[in-house]
C-alpha atoms as a PDB file:
ATOM      1  CA  MET A   1      -3.375  -4.038 -14.694  1.00  0.00           C
ATOM      2  CA  ALA A   2      -5.514  -6.061 -12.282  1.00  0.00           C
ATOM      3  CA  ASP A   3      -9.220  -4.006 -13.079  1.00  0.00           C
ATOM      4  CA  GLU A   4      -8.523  -5.055 -16.589  1.00  0.00           C
ATOM      5  CA  ASN A   5      -8.246  -8.753 -15.402  1.00  0.00           C
ATOM      6  CA  SER A   6     -11.357  -8.291 -13.300  1.00  0.00           C
ATOM      7  CA  VAL A   7     -13.575  -6.650 -15.947  1.00  0.00           C
ATOM      8  CA  GLU A   8     -12.357  -8.792 -18.398  1.00  0.00           C
ATOM      9  CA  GLY A   9     -13.272 -11.884 -16.522  1.00  0.00           C
ATOM     10  CA  LEU A  10     -16.672 -10.446 -15.996  1.00  0.00           C
ATOM     11  CA  VAL A  11     -17.529  -9.767 -19.506  1.00  0.00           C
ATOM     12  CA  THR A  12     -15.866 -13.173 -20.593  1.00  0.00           C
ATOM     13  CA  GLN A  13     -18.264 -14.884 -17.962  1.00  0.00           C
ATOM     14  CA  GLY A  14     -20.929 -12.963 -19.097  1.00  0.00           C
ATOM     15  CA  THR A  15     -20.490 -13.888 -22.704  1.00  0.00           C
ATOM     16  CA  GLY A  16     -20.398 -17.532 -21.227  1.00  0.00           C
ATOM     17  CA  LYS A  17     -23.787 -17.327 -19.859  1.00  0.00           C
ATOM     18  CA  LEU A  18     -24.825 -16.158 -22.542  1.00  0.00           C
ATOM     19  CA  LYS A  19     -23.727 -18.616 -25.461  1.00  0.00           C
ATOM     20  CA  ASP A  20     -25.005 -21.194 -22.568  1.00  0.00           C
ATOM     21  CA  ALA A  21     -27.959 -20.090 -23.053  1.00  0.00           C
ATOM     22  CA  ALA A  22     -29.036 -19.682 -26.408  1.00  0.00           C
ATOM     23  CA  GLY A  23     -27.207 -23.453 -26.870  1.00  0.00           C
ATOM     24  CA  GLY A  24     -29.694 -24.831 -24.468  1.00  0.00           C
ATOM     25  CA  LEU A  25     -32.335 -22.773 -26.123  1.00  0.00           C
ATOM     26  CA  THR A  26     -31.291 -24.067 -29.749  1.00  0.00           C
ATOM     27  CA  GLY A  27     -30.075 -27.667 -28.939  1.00  0.00           C
ATOM     28  CA  ASP A  28     -26.570 -26.608 -29.923  1.00  0.00           C
ATOM     29  CA  THR A  29     -24.154 -28.666 -27.554  1.00  0.00           C
ATOM     30  CA  GLY A  30     -20.966 -27.297 -29.063  1.00  0.00           C
ATOM     31  CA  LEU A  31     -22.070 -23.928 -28.248  1.00  0.00           C
ATOM     32  CA  GLN A  32     -23.577 -24.777 -24.797  1.00  0.00           C
ATOM     33  CA  ALA A  33     -20.315 -26.456 -23.911  1.00  0.00           C
ATOM     34  CA  GLU A  34     -18.196 -23.059 -25.268  1.00  0.00           C
ATOM     35  CA  GLY A  35     -20.394 -21.017 -23.064  1.00  0.00           C
ATOM     36  CA  LYS A  36     -19.548 -23.181 -19.943  1.00  0.00           C
ATOM     37  CA  PHE A  37     -16.107 -23.219 -20.969  1.00  0.00           C
ATOM     38  CA  ASP A  38     -15.622 -19.079 -20.921  1.00  0.00           C
ATOM     39  CA  GLN A  39     -17.760 -19.184 -17.990  1.00  0.00           C
ATOM     40  CA  VAL A  40     -15.516 -20.936 -16.118  1.00  0.00           C
ATOM     41  CA  THR A  41     -12.323 -18.919 -17.973  1.00  0.00           C
ATOM     42  CA  GLY A  42     -14.313 -15.569 -16.982  1.00  0.00           C
ATOM     43  CA  LYS A  43     -14.475 -16.823 -13.284  1.00  0.00           C
ATOM     44  CA  VAL A  44     -10.837 -17.629 -13.143  1.00  0.00           C
ATOM     45  CA  GLN A  45      -9.728 -14.626 -14.446  1.00  0.00           C
ATOM     46  CA  ARG A  46     -11.802 -12.488 -12.883  1.00  0.00           C
ATOM     47  CA  GLN A  47     -10.530 -14.129  -9.688  1.00  0.00           C
ATOM     48  CA  PHE A  48      -6.881 -14.083 -10.705  1.00  0.00           C
ATOM     49  CA  GLY A  49      -7.292 -10.145 -11.026  1.00  0.00           C
ATOM     50  CA  GLU A  50      -8.603  -9.848  -7.120  1.00  0.00           C
ATOM     51  CA  THR A  51      -6.130 -11.989  -6.091  1.00  0.00           C
ATOM     52  CA  LEU A  52      -3.475  -9.580  -7.829  1.00  0.00           C
ATOM     53  CA  ASP A  53      -5.389  -6.454  -6.331  1.00  0.00           C
ATOM     54  CA  ASP A  54      -4.925  -8.038  -2.971  1.00  0.00           C
ATOM     55  CA  ALA A  55      -1.552  -8.754  -3.577  1.00  0.00           C
ATOM     56  CA  GLN A  56      -0.648  -5.207  -4.409  1.00  0.00           C
ATOM     57  CA  ASP A  57      -2.491  -3.826  -1.453  1.00  0.00           C
ATOM     58  CA  GLN A  58      -0.327  -6.334   0.682  1.00  0.00           C
ATOM     59  CA  ILE A  59       3.053  -4.986  -1.365  1.00  0.00           C
ATOM     60  CA  GLU A  60       2.275  -1.192  -0.818  1.00  0.00           C
ATOM     61  CA  GLY A  61       1.255  -1.732   2.506  1.00  0.00           C
ATOM     62  CA  PHE A  62       4.549  -3.196   3.466  1.00  0.00           C
ATOM     63  CA  ALA A  63       6.672  -0.677   1.902  1.00  0.00           C
ATOM     64  CA  GLY A  64       4.742   2.205   3.922  1.00  0.00           C
ATOM     65  CA  TYR A  65       5.797  -0.067   6.579  1.00  0.00           C
ATOM     66  CA  VAL A  66       9.317  -0.156   5.703  1.00  0.00           C
ATOM     67  CA  ALA A  67       9.614   3.767   4.650  1.00  0.00           C
ATOM     68  CA  ASP A  68       8.051   4.878   8.078  1.00  0.00           C
ATOM     69  CA  GLN A  69       9.876   1.978  10.098  1.00  0.00           C
ATOM     70  CA  PRO A  70      13.411   1.405   8.183  1.00  0.00           C
ATOM     71  CA  LEU A  71      15.274   0.589  11.376  1.00  0.00           C
ATOM     72  CA  ALA A  72      12.561  -2.196  12.520  1.00  0.00           C
ATOM     73  CA  ALA A  73      12.585  -3.335   8.972  1.00  0.00           C
ATOM     74  CA  LEU A  74      16.203  -3.861   8.591  1.00  0.00           C
ATOM     75  CA  GLY A  75      16.051  -5.446  11.735  1.00  0.00           C
ATOM     76  CA  ILE A  76      13.181  -7.781  10.385  1.00  0.00           C
ATOM     77  CA  ALA A  77      15.211  -8.575   7.577  1.00  0.00           C
ATOM     78  CA  THR A  78      18.343  -9.258   9.235  1.00  0.00           C
ATOM     79  CA  GLY A  79      16.341 -11.553  11.859  1.00  0.00           C
ATOM     80  CA  ILE A  80      15.425 -13.745   8.832  1.00  0.00           C
ATOM     81  CA  GLY A  81      18.405 -13.879   7.295  1.00  0.00           C
ATOM     82  CA  PHE A  82      19.887 -15.288  10.382  1.00  0.00           C
ATOM     83  CA  LEU A  83      17.025 -17.310  10.722  1.00  0.00           C
ATOM     84  CA  LEU A  84      17.129 -19.050   7.085  1.00  0.00           C
ATOM     85  CA  GLY A  85      20.703 -19.200   7.616  1.00  0.00           C
ATOM     86  CA  TYR A  86      20.744 -20.985  10.382  1.00  0.00           C
ATOM     87  CA  LEU A  87      17.668 -23.738   8.607  1.00  0.00           C
ATOM     88  CA  LEU A  88      19.832 -23.795   5.493  1.00  0.00           C
ATOM     89  CA  ILE A  89      23.562 -24.459   6.028  1.00  0.00           C
ATOM     90  CA  PRO A  90      24.391 -27.196   7.543  1.00  0.00           C
ATOM     91  CA  SER A  91      26.384 -27.020  10.471  1.00  0.00           C
ATOM     92  CA  ARG A  92      29.194 -30.246  11.601  1.00  0.00           C
ATOM     93  CA  LYS A  93      28.231 -29.347  15.171  1.00  0.00           C
ATOM     94  CA  ARG A  94      24.461 -30.350  15.030  1.00  0.00           C
END
């Protein structure tokens, strides 16, 4: 899915450049504005796809760590749970 977003974004960005150039040559400011909008839209979509790819890589790496070191992962999760409980649950003694 992330690769699909990257490719679609790249195509939209390229189409926008063509519209921008055609609008500039013909003097059609509407087409030129549409082209600039498509360029920005394509760039955002492409960057979203790249960010999604990076996030998926991180999740796969974390899943691999948990599979290789289940006790260490459980210890880390327990520590985070205690820390969050300490920070988020009000105490009467503090």
